[in-house]
N, C-alpha and C. Protein backbone atom coordinates (compact mmCIF):
# COMPACT_ATOMS: atom_id res chain seq x y z
N UNK A 1 0.85 -1.18 0.00
CA UNK A 1 0.00 0.00 0.00
C UNK A 1 0.89 1.24 0.00
N UNK A 2 0.61 2.17 -0.89
CA UNK A 2 1.38 3.40 -0.98
C UNK A 2 1.07 4.37 0.14
N UNK A 3 2.04 5.27 0.39
CA UNK A 3 1.80 6.31 1.39
C UNK A 3 2.72 7.50 1.16
N UNK A 4 2.32 8.62 1.73
CA UNK A 4 3.09 9.86 1.68
C UNK A 4 3.36 10.30 3.10
N UNK A 5 4.61 10.64 3.38
CA UNK A 5 4.98 11.15 4.70
C UNK A 5 6.00 12.28 4.55
N UNK A 6 6.21 13.00 5.64
CA UNK A 6 7.18 14.10 5.64
C UNK A 6 7.77 14.25 7.02
N UNK A 7 8.89 14.93 7.08
CA UNK A 7 9.43 15.41 8.35
C UNK A 7 10.31 16.61 8.05
N UNK A 8 10.51 17.44 9.08
CA UNK A 8 11.28 18.67 8.91
C UNK A 8 12.35 18.76 9.99
N UNK A 9 13.56 19.07 9.54
CA UNK A 9 14.67 19.30 10.46
C UNK A 9 15.08 20.76 10.39
N UNK A 10 15.17 21.39 11.54
CA UNK A 10 15.60 22.78 11.70
C UNK A 10 17.12 22.76 11.74
N UNK A 11 17.77 23.12 10.64
CA UNK A 11 19.23 23.06 10.57
C UNK A 11 19.90 24.22 11.29
N UNK A 12 19.16 25.27 11.58
CA UNK A 12 19.73 26.41 12.33
C UNK A 12 19.92 26.05 13.80
N UNK A 13 19.01 25.25 14.34
CA UNK A 13 19.06 24.89 15.75
C UNK A 13 19.47 23.44 15.98
N UNK A 14 19.59 22.67 14.89
CA UNK A 14 19.99 21.28 15.01
C UNK A 14 18.97 20.40 15.69
N UNK A 15 17.68 20.56 15.31
CA UNK A 15 16.62 19.80 15.97
C UNK A 15 15.44 19.61 15.01
N UNK A 16 14.50 18.72 15.37
CA UNK A 16 13.27 18.61 14.59
C UNK A 16 12.46 19.91 14.70
N UNK A 17 11.71 20.22 13.67
CA UNK A 17 10.90 21.45 13.63
C UNK A 17 9.53 21.21 14.26
N UNK A 18 9.53 20.91 15.54
CA UNK A 18 8.29 20.65 16.27
C UNK A 18 7.39 21.88 16.24
N UNK A 19 6.13 21.67 15.93
CA UNK A 19 5.15 22.75 15.91
C UNK A 19 4.98 23.43 14.57
N UNK A 20 5.81 23.10 13.57
CA UNK A 20 5.67 23.73 12.26
C UNK A 20 4.35 23.29 11.62
N UNK A 21 3.68 24.24 10.98
CA UNK A 21 2.44 23.97 10.26
C UNK A 21 2.77 23.55 8.82
N UNK A 22 2.10 22.51 8.35
CA UNK A 22 2.31 21.99 7.00
C UNK A 22 0.95 21.78 6.34
N UNK A 23 0.86 22.18 5.08
CA UNK A 23 -0.36 22.01 4.31
C UNK A 23 -0.08 21.10 3.11
N UNK A 24 -0.97 20.16 2.85
CA UNK A 24 -0.89 19.30 1.68
C UNK A 24 -2.00 19.70 0.72
N UNK A 25 -1.64 19.89 -0.55
CA UNK A 25 -2.63 20.22 -1.58
C UNK A 25 -2.41 19.32 -2.80
N UNK A 26 -3.49 19.04 -3.48
CA UNK A 26 -3.41 18.36 -4.78
C UNK A 26 -3.50 19.44 -5.85
N UNK A 27 -2.61 19.37 -6.84
CA UNK A 27 -2.56 20.38 -7.90
C UNK A 27 -3.06 19.75 -9.20
N UNK A 28 -4.13 20.33 -9.74
CA UNK A 28 -4.69 19.85 -11.01
C UNK A 28 -5.06 21.05 -11.86
N UNK A 29 -4.63 21.03 -13.12
CA UNK A 29 -4.95 22.10 -14.06
C UNK A 29 -4.58 23.47 -13.50
N UNK A 30 -3.44 23.52 -12.79
CA UNK A 30 -2.96 24.79 -12.25
C UNK A 30 -3.65 25.25 -10.99
N UNK A 31 -4.63 24.50 -10.51
CA UNK A 31 -5.37 24.85 -9.30
C UNK A 31 -4.97 23.92 -8.16
N UNK A 32 -4.77 24.48 -6.98
CA UNK A 32 -4.40 23.69 -5.81
C UNK A 32 -5.62 23.54 -4.89
N UNK A 33 -5.89 22.30 -4.51
CA UNK A 33 -7.02 21.99 -3.63
C UNK A 33 -6.49 21.48 -2.29
N UNK A 34 -6.94 22.08 -1.21
CA UNK A 34 -6.52 21.67 0.12
C UNK A 34 -6.95 20.24 0.42
N UNK A 35 -6.00 19.46 0.90
CA UNK A 35 -6.29 18.08 1.29
C UNK A 35 -6.16 17.92 2.80
N UNK A 36 -5.11 18.50 3.38
CA UNK A 36 -4.87 18.29 4.80
C UNK A 36 -3.95 19.37 5.34
N UNK A 37 -4.17 19.74 6.61
CA UNK A 37 -3.26 20.60 7.37
C UNK A 37 -2.83 19.84 8.61
N UNK A 38 -1.53 19.90 8.92
CA UNK A 38 -1.03 19.22 10.11
C UNK A 38 -0.05 20.13 10.85
N UNK A 39 0.11 19.85 12.12
CA UNK A 39 1.15 20.46 12.94
C UNK A 39 2.13 19.36 13.29
N UNK A 40 3.41 19.60 13.02
CA UNK A 40 4.42 18.58 13.25
C UNK A 40 4.63 18.33 14.74
N UNK A 41 4.85 17.07 15.08
CA UNK A 41 5.03 16.67 16.47
C UNK A 41 6.46 16.93 16.95
N UNK A 42 6.80 16.45 18.14
CA UNK A 42 8.10 16.70 18.74
C UNK A 42 9.26 16.15 17.91
N UNK A 43 8.98 15.16 17.07
CA UNK A 43 10.01 14.61 16.18
C UNK A 43 10.04 15.32 14.83
N UNK A 44 9.26 16.40 14.66
CA UNK A 44 9.21 17.11 13.39
C UNK A 44 8.47 16.34 12.31
N UNK A 45 7.59 15.46 12.72
CA UNK A 45 6.84 14.61 11.79
C UNK A 45 5.33 14.78 12.00
N UNK A 46 4.58 14.45 10.96
CA UNK A 46 3.13 14.33 11.13
C UNK A 46 2.87 13.08 11.97
N UNK A 47 1.77 13.05 12.70
CA UNK A 47 1.48 11.92 13.57
C UNK A 47 1.17 10.63 12.80
N UNK A 48 0.91 10.74 11.53
CA UNK A 48 0.65 9.57 10.70
C UNK A 48 0.90 9.94 9.25
N UNK A 49 0.68 9.00 8.34
CA UNK A 49 0.87 9.31 6.92
C UNK A 49 -0.03 10.48 6.50
N UNK A 50 0.48 11.30 5.60
CA UNK A 50 -0.33 12.38 5.03
C UNK A 50 -1.37 11.82 4.09
N UNK A 51 -0.99 10.78 3.37
CA UNK A 51 -1.90 10.05 2.47
C UNK A 51 -1.51 8.59 2.52
N UNK A 52 -2.48 7.72 2.34
CA UNK A 52 -2.19 6.30 2.19
C UNK A 52 -3.36 5.61 1.52
N UNK A 53 -3.09 4.44 1.00
CA UNK A 53 -4.14 3.65 0.37
C UNK A 53 -4.77 4.34 -0.82
N UNK A 54 -6.09 4.27 -0.89
CA UNK A 54 -6.83 4.83 -2.03
C UNK A 54 -6.71 6.34 -2.13
N UNK A 55 -6.35 7.03 -1.04
CA UNK A 55 -6.20 8.49 -1.08
C UNK A 55 -4.95 8.92 -1.82
N UNK A 56 -3.97 8.01 -1.96
CA UNK A 56 -2.73 8.32 -2.67
C UNK A 56 -2.96 8.06 -4.16
N UNK A 57 -3.14 9.13 -4.90
CA UNK A 57 -3.39 9.02 -6.34
C UNK A 57 -2.26 9.68 -7.10
N UNK A 58 -2.05 9.20 -8.31
CA UNK A 58 -1.00 9.76 -9.16
C UNK A 58 -1.33 11.20 -9.51
N UNK A 59 -0.29 12.00 -9.64
CA UNK A 59 -0.48 13.39 -10.01
C UNK A 59 0.52 14.30 -9.33
N UNK A 60 0.24 15.58 -9.42
CA UNK A 60 1.10 16.60 -8.82
C UNK A 60 0.53 17.01 -7.48
N UNK A 61 1.41 17.09 -6.49
CA UNK A 61 1.04 17.43 -5.12
C UNK A 61 1.91 18.58 -4.64
N UNK A 62 1.45 19.28 -3.62
CA UNK A 62 2.21 20.40 -3.06
C UNK A 62 2.20 20.30 -1.53
N UNK A 63 3.38 20.36 -0.96
CA UNK A 63 3.52 20.53 0.48
C UNK A 63 3.99 21.95 0.74
N UNK A 64 3.34 22.64 1.65
CA UNK A 64 3.71 24.01 2.02
C UNK A 64 4.07 24.01 3.50
N UNK A 65 5.29 24.45 3.79
CA UNK A 65 5.83 24.46 5.14
C UNK A 65 5.94 25.90 5.61
N UNK A 66 5.33 26.23 6.73
CA UNK A 66 5.31 27.60 7.26
C UNK A 66 6.59 27.86 8.07
N UNK A 67 7.69 28.02 7.35
CA UNK A 67 9.01 28.14 7.97
C UNK A 67 9.18 29.43 8.77
N UNK A 68 8.80 30.57 8.21
CA UNK A 68 8.99 31.84 8.91
C UNK A 68 8.19 31.88 10.20
N UNK A 69 6.95 31.42 10.16
CA UNK A 69 6.13 31.38 11.38
C UNK A 69 6.79 30.51 12.44
N UNK A 70 7.33 29.37 12.01
CA UNK A 70 8.01 28.47 12.94
C UNK A 70 9.22 29.17 13.58
N UNK A 71 10.07 29.80 12.76
CA UNK A 71 11.26 30.44 13.31
C UNK A 71 10.91 31.62 14.21
N UNK A 72 9.90 32.39 13.84
CA UNK A 72 9.47 33.49 14.70
C UNK A 72 8.98 32.96 16.06
N UNK A 73 8.25 31.85 16.04
CA UNK A 73 7.76 31.26 17.29
C UNK A 73 8.91 30.79 18.17
N UNK A 74 10.05 30.49 17.56
CA UNK A 74 11.24 30.11 18.32
C UNK A 74 12.03 31.32 18.80
N UNK A 75 11.56 32.50 18.44
CA UNK A 75 12.24 33.71 18.88
C UNK A 75 13.29 34.25 17.93
N UNK A 76 13.35 33.69 16.73
CA UNK A 76 14.31 34.17 15.73
C UNK A 76 13.78 35.48 15.14
N UNK A 77 14.61 36.50 15.14
CA UNK A 77 14.23 37.78 14.54
C UNK A 77 14.51 37.68 13.04
N UNK A 78 13.46 37.84 12.25
CA UNK A 78 13.56 37.74 10.79
C UNK A 78 13.29 39.09 10.16
N UNK A 79 13.90 39.36 9.00
CA UNK A 79 13.57 40.59 8.29
C UNK A 79 12.15 40.48 7.71
N UNK A 80 11.61 41.60 7.29
CA UNK A 80 10.30 41.60 6.66
C UNK A 80 10.43 42.14 5.24
N UNK A 81 10.21 41.38 4.22
CA UNK A 81 9.78 39.98 4.30
C UNK A 81 10.96 39.06 4.63
N UNK A 82 10.67 37.88 5.19
CA UNK A 82 11.76 36.95 5.50
C UNK A 82 12.36 36.38 4.23
N UNK A 83 13.63 35.99 4.32
CA UNK A 83 14.27 35.38 3.15
C UNK A 83 13.59 34.05 2.81
N UNK A 84 13.36 33.22 3.82
CA UNK A 84 12.59 31.98 3.64
C UNK A 84 11.29 32.16 4.42
N UNK A 85 10.18 32.24 3.70
CA UNK A 85 8.87 32.41 4.33
C UNK A 85 8.15 31.09 4.36
N UNK A 86 7.28 30.86 3.40
CA UNK A 86 6.62 29.57 3.23
C UNK A 86 7.35 28.81 2.13
N UNK A 87 7.75 27.59 2.43
CA UNK A 87 8.42 26.74 1.45
C UNK A 87 7.35 25.90 0.76
N UNK A 88 7.22 26.09 -0.55
CA UNK A 88 6.27 25.30 -1.34
C UNK A 88 7.05 24.27 -2.15
N UNK A 89 6.71 23.01 -1.96
CA UNK A 89 7.36 21.93 -2.71
C UNK A 89 6.32 21.25 -3.58
N UNK A 90 6.46 21.38 -4.89
CA UNK A 90 5.61 20.66 -5.81
C UNK A 90 6.35 19.40 -6.24
N UNK A 91 5.68 18.26 -6.19
CA UNK A 91 6.31 16.99 -6.53
C UNK A 91 5.27 16.08 -7.16
N UNK A 92 5.75 15.09 -7.88
CA UNK A 92 4.86 14.17 -8.56
C UNK A 92 4.84 12.80 -7.92
N UNK A 93 3.67 12.21 -7.92
CA UNK A 93 3.49 10.83 -7.49
C UNK A 93 3.08 10.04 -8.72
N UNK A 94 3.93 9.09 -9.09
CA UNK A 94 3.65 8.26 -10.26
C UNK A 94 3.25 6.85 -9.86
N UNK A 95 3.87 6.30 -8.82
CA UNK A 95 3.64 4.93 -8.37
C UNK A 95 2.79 4.96 -7.10
N UNK A 96 1.50 4.69 -7.24
CA UNK A 96 0.60 4.77 -6.09
C UNK A 96 0.83 3.66 -5.07
N UNK A 97 1.66 2.70 -5.40
CA UNK A 97 2.03 1.65 -4.45
C UNK A 97 3.32 1.99 -3.70
N UNK A 98 3.97 3.08 -4.10
CA UNK A 98 5.25 3.44 -3.52
C UNK A 98 5.13 4.24 -2.23
N UNK A 99 6.26 4.33 -1.52
CA UNK A 99 6.33 5.19 -0.33
C UNK A 99 7.07 6.45 -0.74
N UNK A 100 6.36 7.56 -0.64
CA UNK A 100 6.94 8.87 -0.95
C UNK A 100 7.18 9.59 0.38
N UNK A 101 8.44 9.75 0.72
CA UNK A 101 8.80 10.48 1.94
C UNK A 101 9.49 11.76 1.48
N UNK A 102 8.94 12.91 1.90
CA UNK A 102 9.43 14.21 1.44
C UNK A 102 9.92 15.00 2.65
N UNK A 103 11.21 14.87 2.98
CA UNK A 103 11.76 15.62 4.10
C UNK A 103 12.17 17.03 3.69
N UNK A 104 12.22 17.91 4.66
CA UNK A 104 12.67 19.28 4.44
C UNK A 104 13.74 19.60 5.48
N UNK A 105 14.86 20.12 5.01
CA UNK A 105 15.91 20.66 5.88
C UNK A 105 15.82 22.17 5.70
N UNK A 106 15.65 22.92 6.80
CA UNK A 106 15.36 24.34 6.66
C UNK A 106 16.04 25.18 7.74
N UNK A 107 16.44 26.37 7.34
CA UNK A 107 16.93 27.41 8.25
C UNK A 107 16.27 28.71 7.80
N UNK A 108 16.48 29.80 8.51
CA UNK A 108 15.91 31.07 8.04
C UNK A 108 16.50 31.56 6.71
N UNK A 109 17.60 30.92 6.25
CA UNK A 109 18.30 31.40 5.06
C UNK A 109 18.42 30.39 3.94
N UNK A 110 17.97 29.15 4.17
CA UNK A 110 18.10 28.14 3.12
C UNK A 110 17.17 26.97 3.40
N UNK A 111 16.96 26.16 2.36
CA UNK A 111 16.22 24.92 2.52
C UNK A 111 16.63 23.95 1.43
N UNK A 112 16.42 22.65 1.70
CA UNK A 112 16.64 21.63 0.69
C UNK A 112 15.71 20.46 0.99
N UNK A 113 15.51 19.65 -0.04
CA UNK A 113 14.64 18.48 0.08
C UNK A 113 15.19 17.38 -0.80
N UNK A 114 14.62 16.21 -0.65
CA UNK A 114 14.99 15.05 -1.46
C UNK A 114 13.90 14.00 -1.28
N UNK A 115 13.91 12.98 -2.11
CA UNK A 115 12.96 11.89 -1.89
C UNK A 115 13.61 10.92 -0.92
N UNK A 116 13.06 10.82 0.25
CA UNK A 116 13.61 9.95 1.29
C UNK A 116 13.04 8.55 1.19
N UNK A 117 13.36 7.79 2.20
CA UNK A 117 12.90 6.38 2.21
C UNK A 117 12.03 6.11 3.43
C-alpha cells in the first residue's frame, strides 16, 4: 500500500521542527485543492501518513511548510519579508504503491529536500 509522509529538520538549531504547520494540496490544471493541514510533532513529523491507500493518487502534489512562522515562534528575529517564508514543494506521485517520503531541511536562510525512504 502506498503512502506519503514528511518530516522537517531545523538546521539552524539542530533539531526537529516541532510545531511547524504543513499544508498538503493536490494540484490539477494549475489549481491547488486543500487536502490536509497538520502540525508537526516533537520529532518534526506528522502523527501519521499524510496520504495512504486509495487516497494516494497519481499526479502533482504540493507541500507548504510555514518556515517563517516556525522560526518566529522560536524567537528568531527575521527581516520583513523573511528570506525563507513559506516553502512550497511541488512533486509528482507516479507509483501509487510506492512510499513517498518528502523531508525538508530548513533554516531562516536556506532549505533543501529530497525523496527519502
